[in-house]
Amino acid sequence: MNFGALETAFRATTYRIETPDQNFDLRIGGRNAQFARFLEISGCREWGVVTAHNPGGRLAEAPDANEVRNTELEREIRRSGRRFYPTRHCADRGDWPVESGFCVLDASLDALRLLAGRFSQLAFVYGGRDACPRLCRAEETA
């Protein structure tokens, strides 16, 4: 399945960032003032949300496979030394399983694109200090 066919689904999703003190619900194209304040306090200029679930926009045959891939993704983020928080991605219509992932702070657009591509994702969420998430295409690097 290609990016264009799934773009509507990506946009009809809430991306919840779960920090120890507060959760932030983000939507593509919608600024979140509380998250902007969090970014300012954190000194973070750019960030992204990425998952390893359901590569290529196809449901994994074995749900456990998603968690194995996400554990691998977490290891890779830890190795990068970047700060990160867990996320949950919930489709509005409830017709897609909730996906877990990570909000990675201080990660460039290029670094996030490569990371998402390494895990065969079609897209990821990217933003700056304005806390206005945008949907970006990933690049396949596997």
N, C-alpha and C. Protein backbone atom coordinates (compact mmCIF):
# COMPACT_ATOMS: atom_id res chain seq x y z
N MET A 1 0.85 -1.18 0.00
CA MET A 1 0.00 0.00 0.00
C MET A 1 0.89 1.24 0.00
N ASN A 2 0.47 2.28 -0.71
CA ASN A 2 1.32 3.46 -0.79
C ASN A 2 0.87 4.57 0.16
N PHE A 3 1.70 5.56 0.28
CA PHE A 3 1.47 6.67 1.20
C PHE A 3 0.15 7.37 0.90
N GLY A 4 -0.10 7.67 -0.36
CA GLY A 4 -1.31 8.40 -0.73
C GLY A 4 -2.59 7.71 -0.30
N ALA A 5 -2.60 6.41 -0.41
CA ALA A 5 -3.80 5.65 -0.04
C ALA A 5 -4.07 5.69 1.47
N LEU A 6 -3.03 5.91 2.26
CA LEU A 6 -3.20 5.91 3.71
C LEU A 6 -3.14 7.30 4.35
N GLU A 7 -2.87 8.31 3.56
CA GLU A 7 -2.71 9.66 4.13
C GLU A 7 -3.93 10.10 4.93
N THR A 8 -5.12 9.82 4.44
CA THR A 8 -6.34 10.18 5.16
C THR A 8 -6.38 9.51 6.53
N ALA A 9 -6.00 8.25 6.59
CA ALA A 9 -5.99 7.53 7.87
C ALA A 9 -4.97 8.12 8.83
N PHE A 10 -3.79 8.47 8.32
CA PHE A 10 -2.77 9.09 9.18
C PHE A 10 -3.29 10.40 9.78
N ARG A 11 -4.03 11.14 8.98
CA ARG A 11 -4.54 12.44 9.44
C ARG A 11 -5.73 12.28 10.38
N ALA A 12 -6.41 11.15 10.32
CA ALA A 12 -7.57 10.89 11.18
C ALA A 12 -7.15 10.08 12.40
N THR A 13 -6.04 10.47 12.98
CA THR A 13 -5.45 9.77 14.12
C THR A 13 -5.02 10.77 15.16
N THR A 14 -5.19 10.40 16.43
CA THR A 14 -4.66 11.19 17.54
C THR A 14 -3.35 10.54 17.97
N TYR A 15 -2.31 11.36 18.08
CA TYR A 15 -0.99 10.92 18.50
C TYR A 15 -0.80 11.40 19.93
N ARG A 16 -0.88 10.48 20.89
CA ARG A 16 -0.77 10.83 22.31
C ARG A 16 0.67 10.61 22.78
N ILE A 17 1.27 11.69 23.28
CA ILE A 17 2.61 11.63 23.86
C ILE A 17 2.44 11.54 25.36
N GLU A 18 3.07 10.53 25.96
CA GLU A 18 2.90 10.25 27.38
C GLU A 18 4.19 10.56 28.14
N THR A 19 4.22 11.75 28.77
CA THR A 19 5.36 12.12 29.59
C THR A 19 5.03 11.77 31.04
N PRO A 20 6.01 11.75 31.92
CA PRO A 20 5.71 11.43 33.32
C PRO A 20 4.71 12.39 33.98
N ASP A 21 4.70 13.64 33.54
CA ASP A 21 3.85 14.65 34.18
C ASP A 21 2.54 14.94 33.46
N GLN A 22 2.50 14.67 32.17
CA GLN A 22 1.33 15.07 31.39
C GLN A 22 1.28 14.33 30.07
N ASN A 23 0.07 14.11 29.56
CA ASN A 23 -0.11 13.56 28.22
C ASN A 23 -0.50 14.69 27.28
N PHE A 24 -0.07 14.60 26.03
CA PHE A 24 -0.39 15.59 25.01
C PHE A 24 -1.02 14.87 23.83
N ASP A 25 -2.21 15.28 23.44
CA ASP A 25 -2.89 14.71 22.28
C ASP A 25 -2.67 15.63 21.10
N LEU A 26 -2.01 15.10 20.07
CA LEU A 26 -1.67 15.89 18.89
C LEU A 26 -2.43 15.38 17.68
N ARG A 27 -2.74 16.32 16.79
CA ARG A 27 -3.37 16.03 15.51
C ARG A 27 -2.55 16.70 14.42
N ILE A 28 -2.45 16.05 13.28
CA ILE A 28 -1.72 16.63 12.15
C ILE A 28 -2.32 18.00 11.83
N GLY A 29 -1.46 19.01 11.77
CA GLY A 29 -1.88 20.36 11.40
C GLY A 29 -2.50 21.17 12.52
N GLY A 30 -2.64 20.59 13.71
CA GLY A 30 -3.26 21.31 14.82
C GLY A 30 -2.26 21.63 15.90
N ARG A 31 -2.05 22.90 16.19
CA ARG A 31 -1.09 23.32 17.22
C ARG A 31 -1.62 22.98 18.60
N ASN A 32 -0.74 22.50 19.47
CA ASN A 32 -1.08 22.20 20.84
C ASN A 32 -0.26 23.13 21.74
N ALA A 33 -0.92 24.12 22.34
CA ALA A 33 -0.23 25.14 23.14
C ALA A 33 0.48 24.55 24.35
N GLN A 34 -0.12 23.56 24.99
CA GLN A 34 0.52 22.93 26.16
C GLN A 34 1.78 22.19 25.74
N PHE A 35 1.73 21.52 24.60
CA PHE A 35 2.92 20.83 24.11
C PHE A 35 3.99 21.83 23.71
N ALA A 36 3.59 22.96 23.14
CA ALA A 36 4.55 24.01 22.79
C ALA A 36 5.29 24.50 24.03
N ARG A 37 4.56 24.67 25.12
CA ARG A 37 5.18 25.09 26.38
C ARG A 37 6.15 24.01 26.89
N PHE A 38 5.74 22.75 26.80
CA PHE A 38 6.60 21.64 27.18
C PHE A 38 7.89 21.66 26.37
N LEU A 39 7.78 21.88 25.06
CA LEU A 39 8.97 21.93 24.20
C LEU A 39 9.88 23.08 24.59
N GLU A 40 9.29 24.23 24.89
CA GLU A 40 10.06 25.40 25.29
C GLU A 40 10.84 25.12 26.58
N ILE A 41 10.15 24.57 27.57
CA ILE A 41 10.78 24.24 28.85
C ILE A 41 11.88 23.21 28.65
N SER A 42 11.65 22.27 27.75
CA SER A 42 12.62 21.20 27.47
C SER A 42 13.80 21.67 26.63
N GLY A 43 13.66 22.85 26.02
CA GLY A 43 14.72 23.34 25.15
C GLY A 43 14.80 22.59 23.84
N CYS A 44 13.69 22.00 23.43
CA CYS A 44 13.64 21.17 22.22
C CYS A 44 13.21 22.02 21.02
N ARG A 45 14.00 21.98 19.95
CA ARG A 45 13.69 22.74 18.74
C ARG A 45 12.91 21.93 17.72
N GLU A 46 13.16 20.62 17.66
CA GLU A 46 12.45 19.77 16.71
C GLU A 46 12.26 18.39 17.32
N TRP A 47 11.24 17.70 16.84
CA TRP A 47 10.83 16.43 17.45
C TRP A 47 10.03 15.64 16.41
N GLY A 48 9.81 14.38 16.72
CA GLY A 48 9.00 13.56 15.83
C GLY A 48 8.39 12.38 16.56
N VAL A 49 7.36 11.83 15.96
CA VAL A 49 6.69 10.63 16.47
C VAL A 49 6.84 9.54 15.42
N VAL A 50 7.35 8.40 15.89
CA VAL A 50 7.59 7.28 14.97
C VAL A 50 7.20 5.98 15.67
N THR A 51 6.80 5.03 14.87
CA THR A 51 6.46 3.69 15.36
C THR A 51 7.14 2.66 14.47
N ALA A 52 7.15 1.42 14.94
CA ALA A 52 7.62 0.31 14.11
C ALA A 52 6.47 -0.65 13.81
N HIS A 53 5.27 -0.30 14.24
CA HIS A 53 4.09 -1.15 14.04
C HIS A 53 3.66 -1.17 12.57
N ASN A 54 3.12 -2.29 12.16
CA ASN A 54 2.44 -2.46 10.88
C ASN A 54 3.22 -1.86 9.71
N PRO A 55 4.41 -2.39 9.42
CA PRO A 55 5.24 -1.86 8.33
C PRO A 55 4.49 -1.79 7.00
N GLY A 56 4.78 -0.74 6.27
CA GLY A 56 4.17 -0.56 4.96
C GLY A 56 2.68 -0.27 5.01
N GLY A 57 2.17 0.06 6.19
CA GLY A 57 0.75 0.36 6.31
C GLY A 57 -0.14 -0.87 6.23
N ARG A 58 0.46 -2.04 6.47
CA ARG A 58 -0.31 -3.29 6.45
C ARG A 58 -0.35 -3.87 7.85
N LEU A 59 -1.51 -4.35 8.27
CA LEU A 59 -1.62 -4.97 9.59
C LEU A 59 -0.66 -6.14 9.70
N ALA A 60 0.06 -6.18 10.80
CA ALA A 60 0.98 -7.30 11.04
C ALA A 60 0.17 -8.58 11.20
N GLU A 61 0.69 -9.66 10.63
CA GLU A 61 0.00 -10.95 10.76
C GLU A 61 -0.02 -11.42 12.21
N ALA A 62 1.06 -11.17 12.92
CA ALA A 62 1.14 -11.55 14.34
C ALA A 62 1.32 -10.28 15.16
N PRO A 63 0.35 -9.93 15.98
CA PRO A 63 0.45 -8.70 16.78
C PRO A 63 1.72 -8.62 17.61
N ASP A 64 2.23 -9.77 18.08
CA ASP A 64 3.47 -9.75 18.85
C ASP A 64 4.64 -9.22 18.02
N ALA A 65 4.57 -9.39 16.71
CA ALA A 65 5.64 -8.91 15.84
C ALA A 65 5.78 -7.39 15.95
N ASN A 66 4.67 -6.69 16.13
CA ASN A 66 4.72 -5.23 16.29
C ASN A 66 5.52 -4.85 17.53
N GLU A 67 5.29 -5.54 18.62
CA GLU A 67 6.00 -5.21 19.86
C GLU A 67 7.49 -5.53 19.76
N VAL A 68 7.81 -6.60 19.05
CA VAL A 68 9.23 -6.95 18.85
C VAL A 68 9.90 -5.83 18.05
N ARG A 69 9.26 -5.37 16.97
CA ARG A 69 9.82 -4.29 16.16
C ARG A 69 9.93 -3.00 16.97
N ASN A 70 8.90 -2.72 17.78
CA ASN A 70 8.93 -1.48 18.57
C ASN A 70 10.03 -1.52 19.64
N THR A 71 10.30 -2.70 20.19
CA THR A 71 11.40 -2.84 21.14
C THR A 71 12.72 -2.56 20.45
N GLU A 72 12.86 -3.02 19.22
CA GLU A 72 14.05 -2.74 18.42
C GLU A 72 14.19 -1.25 18.16
N LEU A 73 13.08 -0.61 17.83
CA LEU A 73 13.06 0.84 17.60
C LEU A 73 13.50 1.57 18.87
N GLU A 74 12.96 1.17 20.00
CA GLU A 74 13.34 1.81 21.26
C GLU A 74 14.84 1.67 21.52
N ARG A 75 15.39 0.49 21.27
CA ARG A 75 16.84 0.29 21.44
C ARG A 75 17.63 1.26 20.57
N GLU A 76 17.19 1.41 19.34
CA GLU A 76 17.90 2.30 18.42
C GLU A 76 17.83 3.76 18.89
N ILE A 77 16.67 4.17 19.38
CA ILE A 77 16.54 5.53 19.90
C ILE A 77 17.43 5.71 21.12
N ARG A 78 17.45 4.74 22.02
CA ARG A 78 18.32 4.81 23.21
C ARG A 78 19.78 4.96 22.81
N ARG A 79 20.20 4.18 21.80
CA ARG A 79 21.59 4.27 21.32
C ARG A 79 21.93 5.65 20.79
N SER A 80 20.93 6.35 20.25
CA SER A 80 21.18 7.69 19.70
C SER A 80 21.43 8.72 20.80
N GLY A 81 21.02 8.38 22.04
CA GLY A 81 21.20 9.31 23.15
C GLY A 81 20.15 10.40 23.23
N ARG A 82 19.15 10.34 22.37
CA ARG A 82 18.11 11.36 22.37
C ARG A 82 17.07 11.08 23.46
N ARG A 83 16.46 12.14 23.96
CA ARG A 83 15.35 11.99 24.89
C ARG A 83 14.12 11.52 24.11
N PHE A 84 13.30 10.70 24.77
CA PHE A 84 12.10 10.21 24.09
C PHE A 84 11.05 9.84 25.12
N TYR A 85 9.81 9.77 24.63
CA TYR A 85 8.66 9.40 25.45
C TYR A 85 7.79 8.43 24.67
N PRO A 86 7.09 7.53 25.37
CA PRO A 86 6.19 6.62 24.66
C PRO A 86 4.99 7.36 24.08
N THR A 87 4.46 6.81 23.03
CA THR A 87 3.26 7.37 22.38
C THR A 87 2.26 6.27 22.10
N ARG A 88 1.03 6.70 21.89
CA ARG A 88 -0.06 5.80 21.46
C ARG A 88 -0.79 6.52 20.33
N HIS A 89 -1.02 5.80 19.25
CA HIS A 89 -1.66 6.39 18.06
C HIS A 89 -3.02 5.73 17.89
N CYS A 90 -4.07 6.54 18.01
CA CYS A 90 -5.45 6.02 18.02
C CYS A 90 -6.23 6.55 16.82
N ALA A 91 -6.68 5.65 15.97
CA ALA A 91 -7.48 6.02 14.80
C ALA A 91 -8.86 6.50 15.26
N ASP A 92 -9.34 7.56 14.66
CA ASP A 92 -10.64 8.14 15.02
C ASP A 92 -11.78 7.13 14.91
N ARG A 93 -11.76 6.36 13.84
CA ARG A 93 -12.88 5.46 13.57
C ARG A 93 -12.80 4.16 14.35
N GLY A 94 -11.67 3.91 15.00
CA GLY A 94 -11.52 2.68 15.76
C GLY A 94 -11.40 1.44 14.89
N ASP A 95 -11.12 1.63 13.61
CA ASP A 95 -11.03 0.49 12.69
C ASP A 95 -9.59 0.02 12.46
N TRP A 96 -8.67 0.53 13.27
CA TRP A 96 -7.26 0.17 13.18
C TRP A 96 -6.76 0.00 14.60
N PRO A 97 -5.95 -1.01 14.88
CA PRO A 97 -5.48 -1.20 16.25
C PRO A 97 -4.64 -0.01 16.73
N VAL A 98 -4.71 0.27 18.02
CA VAL A 98 -3.87 1.31 18.61
C VAL A 98 -2.41 0.90 18.42
N GLU A 99 -1.61 1.84 17.95
CA GLU A 99 -0.19 1.57 17.76
C GLU A 99 0.61 2.31 18.82
N SER A 100 1.63 1.67 19.34
CA SER A 100 2.55 2.36 20.24
C SER A 100 3.76 2.81 19.45
N GLY A 101 4.42 3.81 19.97
CA GLY A 101 5.60 4.34 19.32
C GLY A 101 6.35 5.23 20.28
N PHE A 102 7.07 6.21 19.72
CA PHE A 102 7.90 7.08 20.53
C PHE A 102 7.92 8.49 19.96
N CYS A 103 7.90 9.46 20.86
CA CYS A 103 8.16 10.85 20.51
C CYS A 103 9.63 11.09 20.81
N VAL A 104 10.39 11.41 19.78
CA VAL A 104 11.83 11.59 19.91
C VAL A 104 12.12 13.09 19.87
N LEU A 105 12.74 13.59 20.94
CA LEU A 105 13.09 15.01 21.02
C LEU A 105 14.46 15.26 20.42
N ASP A 106 14.65 16.46 19.90
CA ASP A 106 15.94 16.88 19.35
C ASP A 106 16.40 15.98 18.20
N ALA A 107 15.45 15.55 17.40
CA ALA A 107 15.77 14.73 16.22
C ALA A 107 15.43 15.52 14.97
N SER A 108 16.36 15.57 14.04
CA SER A 108 16.15 16.32 12.80
C SER A 108 15.16 15.60 11.89
N LEU A 109 14.63 16.33 10.94
CA LEU A 109 13.73 15.76 9.95
C LEU A 109 14.41 14.60 9.23
N ASP A 110 15.66 14.80 8.82
CA ASP A 110 16.38 13.74 8.09
C ASP A 110 16.61 12.51 8.96
N ALA A 111 16.97 12.72 10.23
CA ALA A 111 17.20 11.58 11.13
C ALA A 111 15.92 10.80 11.35
N LEU A 112 14.81 11.50 11.51
CA LEU A 112 13.52 10.82 11.70
C LEU A 112 13.09 10.09 10.45
N ARG A 113 13.32 10.70 9.30
CA ARG A 113 12.96 10.05 8.03
C ARG A 113 13.73 8.74 7.87
N LEU A 114 15.01 8.76 8.18
CA LEU A 114 15.81 7.53 8.07
C LEU A 114 15.35 6.49 9.09
N LEU A 115 15.08 6.93 10.32
CA LEU A 115 14.64 6.01 11.36
C LEU A 115 13.32 5.33 10.98
N ALA A 116 12.36 6.12 10.54
CA ALA A 116 11.07 5.56 10.13
C ALA A 116 11.24 4.61 8.94
N GLY A 117 12.08 4.99 8.00
CA GLY A 117 12.34 4.14 6.84
C GLY A 117 12.99 2.83 7.20
N ARG A 118 13.89 2.87 8.17
CA ARG A 118 14.56 1.66 8.62
C ARG A 118 13.57 0.64 9.16
N PHE A 119 12.43 1.12 9.66
CA PHE A 119 11.41 0.22 10.18
C PHE A 119 10.22 0.10 9.22
N SER A 120 10.49 0.40 7.95
CA SER A 120 9.52 0.21 6.85
C SER A 120 8.21 0.95 7.06
N GLN A 121 8.30 2.14 7.65
CA GLN A 121 7.11 2.97 7.83
C GLN A 121 6.91 3.84 6.60
N LEU A 122 5.67 4.12 6.28
CA LEU A 122 5.37 5.00 5.15
C LEU A 122 5.47 6.46 5.54
N ALA A 123 5.21 6.76 6.81
CA ALA A 123 5.18 8.14 7.25
C ALA A 123 5.50 8.23 8.73
N PHE A 124 5.73 9.46 9.18
CA PHE A 124 5.95 9.77 10.58
C PHE A 124 5.49 11.21 10.81
N VAL A 125 5.43 11.59 12.06
CA VAL A 125 5.00 12.94 12.44
C VAL A 125 6.24 13.73 12.80
N TYR A 126 6.30 14.99 12.34
CA TYR A 126 7.44 15.85 12.62
C TYR A 126 6.95 17.24 13.00
N GLY A 127 7.68 17.89 13.90
CA GLY A 127 7.32 19.26 14.27
C GLY A 127 8.47 20.02 14.87
N GLY A 128 8.24 21.31 15.02
CA GLY A 128 9.23 22.19 15.63
C GLY A 128 8.69 22.76 16.93
N ARG A 129 9.28 23.86 17.35
CA ARG A 129 8.87 24.49 18.61
C ARG A 129 7.43 24.98 18.61
N ASP A 130 6.87 25.19 17.43
CA ASP A 130 5.47 25.67 17.37
C ASP A 130 4.48 24.57 17.74
N ALA A 131 4.95 23.35 17.90
CA ALA A 131 4.11 22.20 18.30
C ALA A 131 2.95 21.96 17.34
N CYS A 132 3.19 22.23 16.06
CA CYS A 132 2.19 21.98 15.02
C CYS A 132 2.68 20.77 14.20
N PRO A 133 2.17 19.59 14.50
CA PRO A 133 2.65 18.37 13.85
C PRO A 133 2.32 18.35 12.36
N ARG A 134 3.26 17.83 11.61
CA ARG A 134 2.99 17.63 10.18
C ARG A 134 3.34 16.20 9.81
N LEU A 135 2.64 15.71 8.82
CA LEU A 135 2.84 14.34 8.33
C LEU A 135 3.95 14.37 7.29
N CYS A 136 4.93 13.50 7.43
CA CYS A 136 6.06 13.44 6.50
C CYS A 136 6.23 12.01 5.98
N ARG A 137 6.64 11.92 4.75
CA ARG A 137 6.93 10.61 4.16
C ARG A 137 8.25 10.10 4.69
N ALA A 138 8.33 8.79 4.85
CA ALA A 138 9.58 8.14 5.25
C ALA A 138 10.27 7.62 3.99
N GLU A 139 11.52 7.26 4.15
CA GLU A 139 12.27 6.65 3.05
C GLU A 139 12.64 5.24 3.45
N GLU A 140 12.39 4.33 2.58
CA GLU A 140 12.76 2.93 2.82
C GLU A 140 14.28 2.82 2.77
N THR A 141 14.89 2.30 3.84
CA THR A 141 16.35 2.16 3.86
C THR A 141 16.77 0.73 4.18
N ALA A 142 15.81 -0.14 4.40
CA ALA A 142 16.15 -1.53 4.78
C ALA A 142 16.71 -2.31 3.61
